[in-house]
Every structure is written in structure tokens, then in C-alpha cells.
Amino acid sequence: MLLLEAKQLEKSYDGKLIIKQTEPFQLFTNDRVGLVGLNGTGKSTFLKLLAETEDRDAGAVHHYGSLAIVSQFDQEEQCLTSKSEAAWNLQGKKYDTMSGGERTRTQIAAALEQDPDILILDEPTSHLDVDGMDQLADELLRFKGALLLVSHDRAFLDTVCTKIVEIDHQTFATYPGNYSDYLIQKDQQLKRKHFEYEQYVKEKTRLERTAKEKASKARDLKNKPTRMSYSEAKLGKGKLQNAKRSLEKKSKVIEKRIEMLDKKEKPKKQQNVEFDIQRFPKVHGKQVLAVKDLSLRFDEKPLVQNLTFSVKPGMKIVLTGKNGTGKSTLLQEIYKGNEAIEKSNQLKVGYFHQHLNILDPQKSILENVMERSLYDETWVRTILARMLFKREDVFKRVDVLSGGEKMKTALAKLFLSDYNVLLLDEPSNYLDLFTREALEEVLVAYPGTFILATHDRRLMEKTATHILELQSSKAFWFEGNYKEFTMRNGIRNEHHYDEDELLKMQFEMTELISQLSVCSELSKKEELDRRYNDVLHRMNKFRS
């Protein structure tokens, strides 16, 4: 059943076009749609236009059911039932003293209480810890209406979504499946573009060579053969001219064919991130720092008691735990110094958190990053390009950047400076999905040591060699990656499924997408579509 429809929406801010919809957008009952795109492409604006909380410049929106929206900005105090307060752990909490995560849970609970036909969520996971995201995912899987959401948490999108809509330069592209399926399809598209470009270059080269050969033969016909007299050549002049004209004509026809070729642009290839270990300031001792019997408090509230662990060079530690267990406080104590923390003399600590300004607002992105960089400008600009600062962007002054752009600049400065230990407190907050993937790649390649506090499970899975989990007054140290940690501790729920079976289905889907991209026969394409939808249905059923 159709619940929402939008056509030809347009929206501009200060003369800059943000949204220009060319294809109709529709939401049906049981749709689970994730909206993705770079920061600034208009995702939140599009949601507001659909919810009609913001005026549109053009176009039309039609609702065929009730609607509720959870916004990351417009958060007001809500009146909840006791049942919802208990379900979301909000009993006895006053709104003006709530944390960001508690306020987000309040907005979500209030929206779900309305039992709407359409639920729109703008960044509902930005202030939630892992348990909060799992609870929200459970609720959304039980939700009976249509769902449209923006989230930068890839694991959450995989769990909840059955369709991904990408916004890129005012164009909307729809991909069936969850976020991982979307990445597979994007990869297939890129491979197809590479193949088409190679075929284009091959055919163009062949035609150019043939045209050149014909033109060369035509020029050679101007002169008589070496063994032929001038009188003999004169007698055959007519035939010679005809042959010359024929060759020239063929050469022109081939040149015309070259012009008529469907031109293909060469797909851009991203350079791999590889840090120069020779330049990197190593810690030569057995340990970078050691924490012994550390106890932490915040506003007289005990957080951790008698915490003991040591960090060796090269460790990549993920600091996890619920909101309020002391992750940020621990990073601050390591940075500032504490009598219970022993540091190596060779230690150079870089510290990132959202309220620490390490940038000079009057200098450009490039100037800020180059200040303490171990690397030359060419390599610095390569890393900045991976963080989506390309070409002239690197010369923007910091004071004109958005919050997300400032965070990316600060992170790039840390990675490329002479620090050998990084303390990273929620570095992926306010970064879009694509920048998070770039951050993940940089962290994997980083040759130093880091302690990373994050709720992004994909970031944990890809980067961690060790896990430090903080619980109320307790801590647990685990040697191994995040996946091994969750398996060891029995953190299995309905979102953790048999990966071998899922991989088989993903491989089958990849093959079908590949065949669909080159298939032109209608009957065969219909059969491939049927098989694709069947696999997609099985995958979604398997996940939920």
C-alpha cells in the first residue's frame, strides 16, 4: 500500500541548489529505506521536505497515512507513558538533565507511541551506545509501517534496511538490499565502468590505427612505384586517383566512427593508504604506557575501580562500554597524566575529542595539517583526498568549514603528525558513511598505537587488536578483535547470524548483479530479476 509520494521537489539555500528531484519517490507499507550520501548532499533537507516541516521551493508531497519524525536537531520535551519510560530506561529522568543519548531515546519512544504509518528518523543512532542501537533495531524490525531513515552506522543500516537510496549531486539512485548489498552493487558498477572504459580504449585505438594506415596508403599513392616509368604511371593515373580517393574516404569514415563512439571516462582509482614506517617515531621499549590500580570518578560518581592494563607498541585498542561508564574520562586521564599511569619517555601523544581545538582557524586545511607533518605535501594531499578534501578544497580556511569538515581536518592532522600514540574519542561522530570508511582505512594502515572510544561496530571490527570494555565500576581486557570479543563473551542476539550462510547468499547476489548488468535479452533478464528478488528476500528473512 502506497503511504507517501513525492515528485519534483526542489530546495535551495542562499541561491545554492540542494535538492532537485527528477524521479518520483514512493514509500510503501513495510518499506525499510536507508538514505545515504555525503555530508551536504541534502539528506536531512529531503527528510524535512517529506515530513513537511520545511517549505519546499517546488514539487509536491502526498501522505496517505499518519507520520512521525525523529530529528537530530528539533528535540523537545516529550510526555511518555510509564511503559515507554521503563522500556527505554527513562524512569525518573528530567529532560533538562538528560544526556544526549537519553534525549534521543525519549524522541524515539514518543514517535513509536504514536503508532504511525510512516516513521522518519534523522540520525537516531548518533548519541546511542551499542545496546541502545540494538534496542532501536529490535523496535524497528517489529514496526509495521514504512520506515525512512538516515544513519551513519553501517551495522545498523545492515540490520534494519531492505533498500538503500543514495543522493549524489541532486540525483537519486535506488539499490535493493541493505548497506552491504549496496556496497556490492556499487563495486559491480565500478568494475563495469572499468570494463567499458577498457573496451572503449581498445576499440578507439584499433580504429585510429586503421584510419592512420588508410591515410598513409593514400599518401603513398601520390608517388609512382620505383620500377615504373613516368609514362607508364601517367597511363594509370585515373586508377591511381580512384584508389587514393577510396582510401581517403575509408579513412574519413573510420574517423567519423571514432567520433560517434560512446565516450567513456576513465574511472578514478584511489591510491592505497601506506604510511612511511621509516619516518615514524617508534617507541623502542616493551610498553608504551602502563595503568596500575587506577580509579576514576565523575562528579563524585565512581566509574572504574582499580583498573590495571599495559599498552605495547603497535596495539590498536578499542575502548567500549555503555554511555557514562568512563571512556572519555579514561582518555583524558591518560592525556593529562595520572600518578597511576606510567608513560614511556619516547611517547608523543595526539588527542582527539570533539571539544578540543587543535586547528588554527585562520590557516587553510593544508597549512594546518602540514604544521607537524612527517610527510611531504603530495602525500598529505593524498590522505586529505581520502578524507574527501580534493583539489582546491585543501586551501579552504578552517574558519569557514562545517563541523564535520573541521573534525576531518583535525583527524588528518593527528594521523600525519609526529605522534606515536593517538587517543581518539568518538572520531566518527558527524562523519558521513563514506568518510567513516576512509577513516577506517587510515586507522588500519596507521603504524603507531591508538586507543579508540567508539560505538561504530564496523570501525571496531576492522581496526581492533585488543578490547577494553568498561562496565559500572569494572573493566574487562580482551586480546583479540571485536568479533572474537563478542563471540567469547556470548554477545549474540538475533542480529548475529551464521556468516558462512550469509556469505553464500551475498556471493550469489553478486553473481546475479554481474549478469544483470550485461544482460540484454528480456526473458533472461526477467528470470535473473526473479532470482535476485528471491535471494534478497531470503537474506532479509535470514537477518530479521
Protein backbone atom coordinates (compact mmCIF):
# COMPACT_ATOMS: atom_id res chain seq x y z
CA MET A 1 0.00 0.00 0.00
CA LEU A 2 1.38 3.42 -1.00
CA LEU A 3 1.88 5.63 2.08
CA LEU A 4 3.97 8.55 0.80
CA GLU A 5 4.79 10.04 -2.60
CA ALA A 6 7.00 12.99 -3.57
CA LYS A 7 7.50 14.45 -7.04
CA GLN A 8 9.86 17.11 -8.45
CA LEU A 9 10.92 18.52 -5.08
CA GLU A 10 13.35 21.42 -5.17
CA LYS A 11 15.08 23.31 -2.39
CA SER A 12 17.81 25.96 -2.42
CA TYR A 13 19.62 27.80 0.38
CA ASP A 14 21.16 31.22 -0.37
CA GLY A 15 20.92 30.53 -4.09
CA LYS A 16 22.63 27.12 -3.84
CA LEU A 17 20.55 24.23 -5.14
CA ILE A 18 20.45 21.40 -2.56
CA ILE A 19 17.63 19.14 -3.76
CA LYS A 20 16.33 18.74 -7.31
CA GLN A 21 14.27 15.57 -7.61
CA THR A 22 13.87 14.18 -11.14
CA GLU A 23 12.34 10.78 -10.31
CA PRO A 24 9.27 10.19 -8.08
CA PHE A 25 9.96 8.92 -4.56
CA GLN A 26 7.47 6.47 -3.04
CA LEU A 27 7.18 4.71 0.31
CA PHE A 28 5.04 1.59 0.71
CA THR A 29 3.93 -0.36 3.78
CA ASN A 30 6.84 -2.41 5.22
CA ASP A 31 9.46 -0.44 3.23
CA ARG A 32 12.71 -0.09 5.20
CA VAL A 33 14.67 2.60 3.36
CA GLY A 34 18.11 3.93 4.32
CA LEU A 35 19.08 7.31 2.83
CA VAL A 36 22.83 7.69 2.22
CA GLY A 37 25.12 10.32 0.69
CA LEU A 38 27.99 12.63 1.53
CA ASN A 39 27.56 15.34 4.14
CA GLY A 40 25.93 18.35 2.48
CA THR A 41 24.07 16.42 -0.22
CA GLY A 42 20.71 17.23 1.36
CA LYS A 43 19.66 14.07 3.23
CA SER A 44 18.24 15.90 6.25
CA THR A 45 16.69 18.54 3.99
CA PHE A 46 14.96 15.83 1.96
CA LEU A 47 13.51 14.27 5.14
CA LYS A 48 12.18 17.66 6.28
CA LEU A 49 10.56 18.26 2.88
CA LEU A 50 8.90 14.84 3.03
CA ALA A 51 7.68 15.47 6.58
CA GLU A 52 6.60 18.99 5.52
CA THR A 53 8.42 20.57 8.44
CA GLU A 54 10.21 22.83 5.95
CA ASP A 55 8.84 24.74 2.96
CA ARG A 56 9.77 23.48 -0.50
CA ASP A 57 10.60 25.71 -3.47
CA ALA A 58 8.81 23.39 -5.93
CA GLY A 59 7.21 19.97 -6.18
CA ALA A 60 4.55 18.09 -4.25
CA VAL A 61 4.35 15.68 -1.29
CA HIS A 62 1.36 13.43 -0.59
CA HIS A 63 0.83 11.48 2.66
CA TYR A 64 -1.60 8.57 2.69
CA GLY A 65 -1.19 7.78 6.38
CA SER A 66 -0.07 9.26 9.70
CA LEU A 67 3.58 10.32 10.11
CA ALA A 68 6.05 10.72 12.97
CA ILE A 69 9.56 12.16 12.72
CA VAL A 70 12.62 11.95 14.97
CA SER A 71 15.05 14.79 14.20
CA GLN A 72 18.63 15.14 15.39
CA PHE A 73 18.12 18.90 15.88
CA ASP A 74 14.50 19.70 16.78
CA GLN A 75 14.33 17.89 20.11
CA GLU A 76 11.64 18.99 22.55
CA GLU A 77 10.50 17.58 25.87
CA GLN A 78 8.08 14.67 25.42
CA CYS A 79 5.39 13.20 27.65
CA LEU A 80 5.77 9.42 27.76
CA THR A 81 3.73 6.60 29.23
CA SER A 82 5.23 4.70 32.16
CA LYS A 83 5.51 1.66 29.89
CA SER A 84 7.73 3.55 27.41
CA GLU A 85 9.79 5.09 30.20
CA ALA A 86 10.51 1.63 31.59
CA ALA A 87 11.22 0.13 28.15
CA TRP A 88 13.77 2.86 27.32
CA ASN A 89 15.24 3.17 30.84
CA LEU A 90 13.97 6.73 31.34
CA GLN A 91 12.12 6.41 34.67
CA GLY A 92 12.53 9.42 36.93
CA LYS A 93 14.71 11.31 34.44
CA LYS A 94 14.16 15.07 34.00
CA TYR A 95 14.51 16.22 30.41
CA ASP A 96 16.77 19.19 31.16
CA THR A 97 19.31 16.94 32.92
CA MET A 98 19.21 14.10 30.37
CA SER A 99 22.28 13.11 28.32
CA GLY A 100 22.21 13.28 24.53
CA GLY A 101 21.52 9.56 24.32
CA GLU A 102 18.64 9.77 26.82
CA ARG A 103 17.05 12.64 24.91
CA THR A 104 17.32 10.66 21.67
CA ARG A 105 15.66 7.65 23.33
CA THR A 106 12.88 9.97 24.54
CA GLN A 107 12.22 11.21 20.99
CA ILE A 108 12.22 7.66 19.61
CA ALA A 109 9.86 6.38 22.34
CA ALA A 110 7.45 9.29 21.76
CA ALA A 111 7.41 8.66 18.00
CA LEU A 112 6.75 4.93 18.43
CA GLU A 113 3.93 5.63 20.92
CA GLN A 114 2.04 7.37 18.11
CA ASP A 115 1.96 4.07 16.17
CA PRO A 116 2.39 5.98 12.88
CA ASP A 117 2.02 4.57 9.37
CA ILE A 118 5.26 6.33 8.36
CA LEU A 119 8.29 6.77 10.61
CA ILE A 120 11.10 9.14 9.57
CA LEU A 121 14.34 9.05 11.58
CA ASP A 122 17.19 11.54 11.07
CA GLU A 123 20.40 10.23 12.66
CA PRO A 124 18.70 8.32 15.52
CA THR A 125 21.94 6.45 16.32
CA SER A 126 24.27 9.46 16.73
CA HIS A 127 24.04 9.54 20.57
CA LEU A 128 23.22 5.88 21.24
CA ASP A 129 25.63 3.28 22.56
CA VAL A 130 25.72 -0.26 21.13
CA ASP A 131 22.96 -1.52 23.45
CA GLY A 132 20.78 1.47 22.54
CA MET A 133 21.28 0.82 18.82
CA ASP A 134 20.38 -2.85 19.26
CA GLN A 135 17.21 -1.92 21.16
CA LEU A 136 16.22 0.56 18.46
CA ALA A 137 16.90 -2.04 15.74
CA ASP A 138 14.66 -4.53 17.56
CA GLU A 139 11.85 -1.97 17.74
CA LEU A 140 12.17 -1.04 14.07
CA LEU A 141 12.16 -4.69 12.97
CA ARG A 142 8.81 -5.06 14.77
CA PHE A 143 7.45 -1.79 13.38
CA LYS A 144 4.61 -2.46 10.92
CA GLY A 145 4.62 0.78 8.91
CA ALA A 146 7.00 2.33 6.38
CA LEU A 147 10.43 3.43 7.60
CA LEU A 148 12.79 6.05 6.13
CA LEU A 149 15.99 6.84 7.99
CA VAL A 150 19.38 8.49 7.80
CA SER A 151 22.12 6.82 9.84
CA HIS A 152 25.90 6.76 9.64
CA ASP A 153 26.15 3.44 11.46
CA ARG A 154 26.76 0.73 8.86
CA ALA A 155 25.91 -2.23 11.10
CA PHE A 156 22.60 -0.57 11.98
CA LEU A 157 21.76 0.01 8.30
CA ASP A 158 22.58 -3.64 7.58
CA THR A 159 20.25 -4.85 10.31
CA VAL A 160 17.27 -2.61 9.57
CA CYS A 161 17.17 -1.69 5.88
CA THR A 162 15.84 -3.58 2.86
CA LYS A 163 16.50 -0.75 0.41
CA ILE A 164 19.15 1.98 0.10
CA VAL A 165 18.58 5.31 -1.67
CA GLU A 166 21.74 7.26 -2.49
CA ILE A 167 21.72 11.03 -3.05
CA ASP A 168 24.61 12.24 -5.20
CA HIS A 169 24.66 15.67 -6.94
CA GLN A 170 20.86 16.01 -6.74
CA THR A 171 20.37 12.56 -8.32
CA PHE A 172 18.60 9.70 -6.54
CA ALA A 173 19.64 6.08 -7.14
CA THR A 174 17.87 3.09 -5.52
CA TYR A 175 19.61 -0.15 -4.55
CA PRO A 176 17.72 -3.21 -3.26
CA GLY A 177 19.05 -4.78 -0.06
CA ASN A 178 20.88 -3.38 2.95
CA TYR A 179 24.05 -1.30 3.14
CA SER A 180 26.41 -4.22 2.48
CA ASP A 181 24.34 -5.16 -0.58
CA TYR A 182 24.56 -1.54 -1.73
CA LEU A 183 28.37 -1.65 -1.47
CA ILE A 184 28.46 -4.87 -3.52
CA GLN A 185 26.32 -3.28 -6.22
CA LYS A 186 28.45 -0.11 -6.24
CA ASP A 187 31.57 -2.26 -6.62
CA GLN A 188 29.95 -4.12 -9.51
CA GLN A 189 29.11 -0.80 -11.16
CA LEU A 190 32.71 0.35 -10.78
CA LYS A 191 34.03 -2.88 -12.28
CA ARG A 192 31.58 -2.49 -15.16
CA LYS A 193 32.80 1.08 -15.75
CA HIS A 194 36.41 -0.15 -15.82
CA PHE A 195 35.46 -2.89 -18.31
CA GLU A 196 33.53 -0.47 -20.54
CA TYR A 197 36.40 2.03 -20.45
CA GLU A 198 38.92 -0.65 -21.42
CA GLN A 199 36.69 -1.78 -24.32
CA TYR A 200 36.26 1.84 -25.41
CA VAL A 201 40.04 2.47 -25.39
CA LYS A 202 40.70 -0.81 -27.23
CA GLU A 203 38.15 -0.05 -29.99
CA LYS A 204 39.25 3.59 -30.32
CA THR A 205 42.91 2.52 -30.62
CA ARG A 206 42.03 -0.08 -33.26
CA LEU A 207 40.04 2.42 -35.34
CA GLU A 208 42.72 5.11 -35.03
CA ARG A 209 45.37 2.63 -36.18
CA THR A 210 43.23 1.55 -39.15
CA ALA A 211 42.45 5.17 -40.12
CA LYS A 212 46.16 6.03 -39.93
CA GLU A 213 47.06 3.06 -42.13
CA LYS A 214 44.46 4.07 -44.77
CA ALA A 215 45.66 7.69 -44.75
CA SER A 216 49.28 6.57 -45.04
CA LYS A 217 48.47 4.34 -48.03
CA ALA A 218 46.59 7.23 -49.68
CA ARG A 219 49.66 9.50 -49.29
CA ASP A 220 51.92 6.81 -50.73
CA LEU A 221 49.79 6.67 -53.90
CA LYS A 222 50.90 10.20 -54.82
CA ASN A 223 54.22 8.82 -55.97
CA LYS A 224 54.81 6.33 -58.77
CA PRO A 225 56.20 2.91 -57.93
CA THR A 226 60.03 2.89 -58.15
CA ARG A 227 60.13 0.36 -61.02
CA MET A 228 57.51 2.18 -63.13
CA SER A 229 58.36 4.84 -65.75
CA TYR A 230 56.62 8.23 -65.72
CA SER A 231 54.81 7.43 -68.98
CA GLU A 232 53.53 4.15 -67.53
CA ALA A 233 52.45 5.89 -64.38
CA LYS A 234 50.64 8.57 -66.36
CA LEU A 235 48.63 5.93 -68.22
CA GLY A 236 47.36 4.52 -64.88
CA LYS A 237 46.78 7.90 -63.30
CA GLY A 238 42.98 7.53 -63.28
CA LYS A 239 43.07 4.24 -61.44
CA LEU A 240 45.63 5.68 -59.03
CA GLN A 241 43.44 8.66 -58.21
CA ASN A 242 40.37 6.45 -57.72
CA ALA A 243 42.28 4.18 -55.36
CA LYS A 244 43.62 7.23 -53.48
CA ARG A 245 40.13 8.73 -53.11
CA SER A 246 38.76 5.37 -51.94
CA LEU A 247 41.42 5.08 -49.23
CA GLU A 248 40.90 8.69 -48.10
CA LYS A 249 37.14 8.13 -47.96
CA LYS A 250 37.58 4.98 -45.86
CA SER A 251 39.92 6.89 -43.54
CA LYS A 252 37.30 9.67 -43.11
CA VAL A 253 34.55 7.10 -42.45
CA ILE A 254 36.68 5.49 -39.72
CA GLU A 255 37.39 8.91 -38.17
CA LYS A 256 33.65 9.55 -38.13
CA ARG A 257 33.11 6.21 -36.40
CA ILE A 258 35.67 7.25 -33.75
CA GLU A 259 33.73 10.48 -33.15
CA MET A 260 30.48 8.51 -32.84
CA LEU A 261 31.87 6.09 -30.25
CA ASP A 262 30.09 6.29 -26.91
CA LYS A 263 32.83 8.08 -24.99
CA LYS A 264 33.75 6.54 -21.63
CA GLU A 265 35.57 8.43 -18.89
CA LYS A 266 38.31 6.59 -17.06
CA PRO A 267 37.07 5.65 -13.56
CA LYS A 268 39.17 7.26 -10.87
CA LYS A 269 41.38 4.87 -8.95
CA GLN A 270 42.02 5.68 -5.30
CA GLN A 271 45.57 5.42 -4.04
CA ASN A 272 46.13 2.99 -1.18
CA VAL A 273 47.00 4.44 2.22
CA GLU A 274 50.54 3.43 3.16
CA PHE A 275 52.42 5.25 5.91
CA ASP A 276 56.21 5.51 5.68
CA ILE A 277 57.31 3.48 8.70
CA GLN A 278 60.91 4.71 8.35
CA ARG A 279 59.80 8.24 9.22
CA PHE A 280 57.56 7.16 12.04
CA PRO A 281 58.82 7.88 15.62
CA LYS A 282 58.82 4.43 17.20
CA VAL A 283 58.65 3.53 20.88
CA HIS A 284 61.52 1.08 21.41
CA GLY A 285 60.61 -0.12 24.88
CA LYS A 286 58.40 -3.09 25.75
CA GLN A 287 55.44 -0.90 26.64
CA VAL A 288 54.02 2.46 25.61
CA LEU A 289 52.20 3.05 28.88
CA ALA A 290 51.09 1.10 31.94
CA VAL A 291 47.99 1.69 34.05
CA LYS A 292 48.05 0.25 37.58
CA ASP A 293 45.18 0.36 40.10
CA LEU A 294 43.56 3.42 38.52
CA SER A 295 40.21 4.53 39.96
CA LEU A 296 38.05 7.12 38.19
CA ARG A 297 35.18 9.29 39.37
CA PHE A 298 32.96 11.88 37.70
CA ASP A 299 31.01 14.35 39.84
CA GLU A 300 31.62 12.13 42.88
CA LYS A 301 30.19 9.16 40.97
CA PRO A 302 32.59 6.17 40.88
CA LEU A 303 33.26 4.99 37.32
CA VAL A 304 36.11 2.46 37.42
CA GLN A 305 37.89 0.87 40.38
CA ASN A 306 41.46 -0.49 40.38
CA LEU A 307 41.88 -0.56 36.59
CA THR A 308 45.14 -2.23 35.51
CA PHE A 309 46.43 -2.85 31.97
CA SER A 310 49.50 -2.16 29.82
CA VAL A 311 49.81 -0.99 26.23
CA LYS A 312 52.58 -2.33 23.99
CA PRO A 313 53.82 -0.65 20.78
CA GLY A 314 51.54 -1.30 17.81
CA MET A 315 48.44 -2.20 19.83
CA LYS A 316 45.16 -0.90 18.45
CA ILE A 317 42.78 -0.83 21.40
CA VAL A 318 39.06 -0.27 21.15
CA LEU A 319 37.50 1.21 24.30
CA THR A 320 33.88 0.12 24.53
CA GLY A 321 31.04 0.21 27.02
CA LYS A 322 27.72 1.92 27.66
CA ASN A 323 27.41 5.69 27.80
CA GLY A 324 28.53 7.04 31.17
CA THR A 325 30.98 4.22 32.06
CA GLY A 326 34.05 6.48 31.90
CA LYS A 327 35.56 6.03 28.42
CA SER A 328 36.12 9.76 27.81
CA THR A 329 37.32 10.28 31.38
CA LEU A 330 39.93 7.50 30.98
CA LEU A 331 41.28 9.04 27.75
CA GLN A 332 41.52 12.44 29.46
CA GLU A 333 43.47 10.97 32.39
CA ILE A 334 45.91 9.23 30.05
CA TYR A 335 46.45 12.50 28.14
CA LYS A 336 46.76 14.82 31.18
CA GLY A 337 48.72 12.37 33.31
CA ASN A 338 47.87 10.50 36.48
CA GLU A 339 50.12 9.02 39.16
CA ALA A 340 48.63 5.59 38.38
CA ILE A 341 49.71 5.85 34.71
CA GLU A 342 53.34 5.29 33.72
CA LYS A 343 54.33 6.55 30.25
CA SER A 344 57.36 5.81 28.05
CA ASN A 345 59.85 8.69 27.67
CA GLN A 346 59.54 8.32 23.90
CA LEU A 347 55.79 8.84 24.00
CA LYS A 348 54.26 11.58 21.80
CA VAL A 349 50.51 11.64 22.39
CA GLY A 350 47.95 13.05 19.99
CA TYR A 351 44.47 13.53 21.46
CA PHE A 352 41.20 13.94 19.59
CA HIS A 353 37.86 14.80 21.07
CA GLN A 354 35.04 16.93 19.75
CA HIS A 355 35.63 19.91 22.05
CA LEU A 356 39.44 20.10 21.76
CA ASN A 357 40.52 22.59 19.12
CA ILE A 358 43.91 21.70 17.63
CA LEU A 359 43.35 23.79 14.48
CA ASP A 360 44.29 27.38 13.64
CA PRO A 361 41.05 28.85 12.20
CA GLN A 362 42.94 31.49 10.17
CA LYS A 363 45.01 28.91 8.28
CA SER A 364 43.96 26.59 5.48
CA ILE A 365 43.27 22.88 5.80
CA LEU A 366 46.60 22.09 4.13
CA GLU A 367 48.57 24.56 6.29
CA ASN A 368 47.09 23.11 9.48
CA VAL A 369 47.89 19.53 8.54
CA MET A 370 51.42 20.35 7.29
CA GLU A 371 52.42 22.09 10.58
CA ARG A 372 53.76 18.93 12.27
CA SER A 373 53.60 16.55 9.36
CA LEU A 374 56.21 13.85 8.81
CA TYR A 375 55.25 13.69 5.15
CA ASP A 376 55.57 15.85 2.05
CA GLU A 377 52.69 17.84 0.58
CA THR A 378 51.95 15.28 -2.15
CA TRP A 379 51.30 12.50 0.36
CA VAL A 380 49.40 14.81 2.72
CA ARG A 381 47.08 15.76 -0.14
CA THR A 382 46.56 12.05 -0.91
CA ILE A 383 45.35 11.44 2.65
CA LEU A 384 43.18 14.58 2.53
CA ALA A 385 41.63 13.35 -0.72
CA ARG A 386 40.71 10.10 1.02
CA MET A 387 39.02 12.22 3.68
CA LEU A 388 37.12 13.86 0.78
CA PHE A 389 39.13 17.12 0.62
CA LYS A 390 40.02 17.26 -3.06
CA ARG A 391 41.85 19.72 -5.34
CA GLU A 392 41.17 23.32 -4.27
CA ASP A 393 39.29 22.24 -1.12
CA VAL A 394 42.60 21.91 0.75
CA PHE A 395 43.09 25.68 0.53
CA LYS A 396 39.85 26.49 2.39
CA ARG A 397 40.37 28.35 5.66
CA VAL A 398 39.34 26.37 8.74
CA ASP A 399 37.02 29.12 9.99
CA VAL A 400 34.66 28.60 7.00
CA LEU A 401 34.43 24.82 7.40
CA SER A 402 31.43 22.89 8.70
CA GLY A 403 31.69 20.97 11.98
CA GLY A 404 32.22 17.67 10.15
CA GLU A 405 34.92 19.18 7.92
CA LYS A 406 36.78 20.54 10.95
CA MET A 407 36.72 17.09 12.53
CA LYS A 408 38.13 15.51 9.38
CA THR A 409 40.89 18.15 9.26
CA ALA A 410 41.79 17.55 12.93
CA LEU A 411 41.93 13.78 12.38
CA ALA A 412 44.15 14.17 9.29
CA LYS A 413 46.47 16.45 11.29
CA LEU A 414 46.80 13.82 14.03
CA PHE A 415 47.47 10.93 11.64
CA LEU A 416 50.14 12.79 9.69
CA SER A 417 51.95 14.43 12.63
CA ASP A 418 54.90 13.06 14.63
CA TYR A 419 52.72 11.47 17.34
CA ASN A 420 53.24 7.77 18.01
CA VAL A 421 50.16 7.23 20.22
CA LEU A 422 46.68 8.52 19.43
CA LEU A 423 43.77 8.86 21.87
CA LEU A 424 40.57 9.07 19.81
CA ASP A 425 37.26 9.88 21.49
CA GLU A 426 34.33 9.16 19.14
CA PRO A 427 36.18 10.31 15.99
CA SER A 428 33.42 9.08 13.65
CA ASN A 429 30.66 11.26 15.14
CA TYR A 430 29.26 13.63 12.49
CA LEU A 431 31.21 11.88 9.72
CA ASP A 432 29.20 10.53 6.79
CA LEU A 433 29.38 6.85 5.81
CA PHE A 434 31.97 7.37 3.10
CA THR A 435 34.32 9.37 5.35
CA ARG A 436 33.91 6.72 8.06
CA GLU A 437 35.14 4.12 5.58
CA ALA A 438 38.13 6.35 4.74
CA LEU A 439 38.83 6.80 8.49
CA GLU A 440 38.68 3.02 8.87
CA GLU A 441 41.26 2.56 6.11
CA VAL A 442 43.61 5.15 7.62
CA LEU A 443 43.34 3.55 11.09
CA VAL A 444 44.07 0.09 9.69
CA ALA A 445 47.20 1.42 7.91
CA TYR A 446 48.37 3.58 10.85
CA PRO A 447 51.72 2.20 12.09
CA GLY A 448 51.51 3.57 15.64
CA THR A 449 49.41 2.75 18.70
CA PHE A 450 45.94 4.06 19.38
CA ILE A 451 43.15 3.81 21.94
CA LEU A 452 39.81 4.37 20.24
CA ALA A 453 36.49 5.04 22.00
CA THR A 454 33.63 4.44 19.58
CA HIS A 455 30.15 2.92 19.21
CA ASP A 456 30.72 2.21 15.49
CA ARG A 457 30.82 -1.60 15.35
CA ARG A 458 32.31 -1.76 11.85
CA LEU A 459 35.13 0.51 12.98
CA MET A 460 35.68 -1.79 15.98
CA GLU A 461 35.63 -4.92 13.82
CA LYS A 462 38.10 -3.58 11.25
CA THR A 463 40.66 -1.89 13.49
CA ALA A 464 40.92 -3.52 16.95
CA THR A 465 43.70 -5.86 18.08
CA HIS A 466 42.57 -5.55 21.74
CA ILE A 467 39.34 -4.61 23.54
CA LEU A 468 38.98 -2.76 26.84
CA GLU A 469 35.34 -2.87 27.96
CA LEU A 470 34.26 -0.57 30.77
CA GLN A 471 31.24 -1.52 32.85
CA SER A 472 29.89 0.06 36.04
CA SER A 473 32.91 0.04 38.40
CA LYS A 474 34.51 -2.82 36.44
CA ALA A 475 36.66 -3.32 33.35
CA PHE A 476 37.49 -6.28 31.11
CA TRP A 477 40.63 -6.64 28.97
CA PHE A 478 40.49 -8.87 25.88
CA GLU A 479 43.30 -9.79 23.49
CA GLY A 480 41.75 -10.19 20.04
CA ASN A 481 39.47 -8.39 17.61
CA TYR A 482 35.90 -7.21 18.24
CA LYS A 483 34.27 -10.20 16.54
CA GLU A 484 36.25 -12.62 18.74
CA PHE A 485 35.36 -10.50 21.77
CA THR A 486 31.61 -10.68 21.09
CA MET A 487 31.83 -14.45 20.46
CA ARG A 488 33.87 -15.06 23.62
CA ASN A 489 31.51 -13.05 25.79
CA GLY A 490 28.39 -14.57 24.29
CA ILE A 491 27.15 -11.24 22.95
CA ARG A 492 24.94 -12.98 20.45
CA ASN A 493 21.46 -11.84 19.58
CA GLU A 494 19.16 -12.04 16.63
CA HIS A 495 21.41 -9.64 14.73
CA HIS A 496 24.38 -12.03 14.86
CA TYR A 497 23.81 -14.70 12.26
CA ASP A 498 25.72 -17.53 10.64
CA GLU A 499 28.17 -15.64 8.43
CA ASP A 500 29.03 -18.59 6.17
CA GLU A 501 25.42 -18.90 5.06
CA LEU A 502 25.14 -15.15 4.58
CA LEU A 503 28.37 -15.05 2.56
CA LYS A 504 26.99 -17.70 0.22
CA MET A 505 23.88 -15.60 -0.41
CA GLN A 506 25.95 -12.43 -0.87
CA PHE A 507 28.17 -14.24 -3.39
CA GLU A 508 25.07 -15.46 -5.25
CA MET A 509 23.68 -11.91 -5.27
CA THR A 510 26.99 -10.53 -6.60
CA GLU A 511 26.90 -13.03 -9.48
CA LEU A 512 23.30 -12.12 -10.31
CA ILE A 513 24.08 -8.38 -10.26
CA SER A 514 27.02 -9.00 -12.59
CA GLN A 515 24.83 -10.95 -15.03
CA LEU A 516 22.04 -8.34 -14.88
CA SER A 517 24.47 -5.54 -15.75
CA VAL A 518 25.36 -7.14 -19.12
CA CYS A 519 22.13 -8.97 -19.98
CA SER A 520 20.08 -7.53 -22.89
CA GLU A 521 17.69 -10.43 -23.56
CA LEU A 522 14.31 -9.55 -21.98
CA SER A 523 13.19 -13.05 -20.98
CA LYS A 524 16.57 -13.88 -19.43
CA LYS A 525 16.64 -10.55 -17.61
CA GLU A 526 13.20 -11.24 -16.10
CA GLU A 527 14.44 -14.61 -14.83
CA LEU A 528 17.58 -13.00 -13.33
CA ASP A 529 15.37 -10.34 -11.67
CA ARG A 530 13.18 -13.08 -10.19
CA ARG A 531 16.19 -14.95 -8.81
CA TYR A 532 17.68 -11.70 -7.46
CA ASN A 533 14.47 -10.82 -5.59
CA ASP A 534 14.30 -14.36 -4.22
CA VAL A 535 17.85 -14.15 -2.84
CA LEU A 536 17.15 -10.68 -1.44
CA HIS A 537 14.02 -11.98 0.30
CA ARG A 538 15.96 -14.89 1.82
CA MET A 539 18.73 -12.56 3.04
CA ASN A 540 16.29 -10.15 4.68
CA LYS A 541 14.37 -13.01 6.29
CA PHE A 542 17.66 -14.51 7.49
CA ARG A 543 18.76 -11.24 9.11
CA SER A 544 15.46 -10.50 10.81
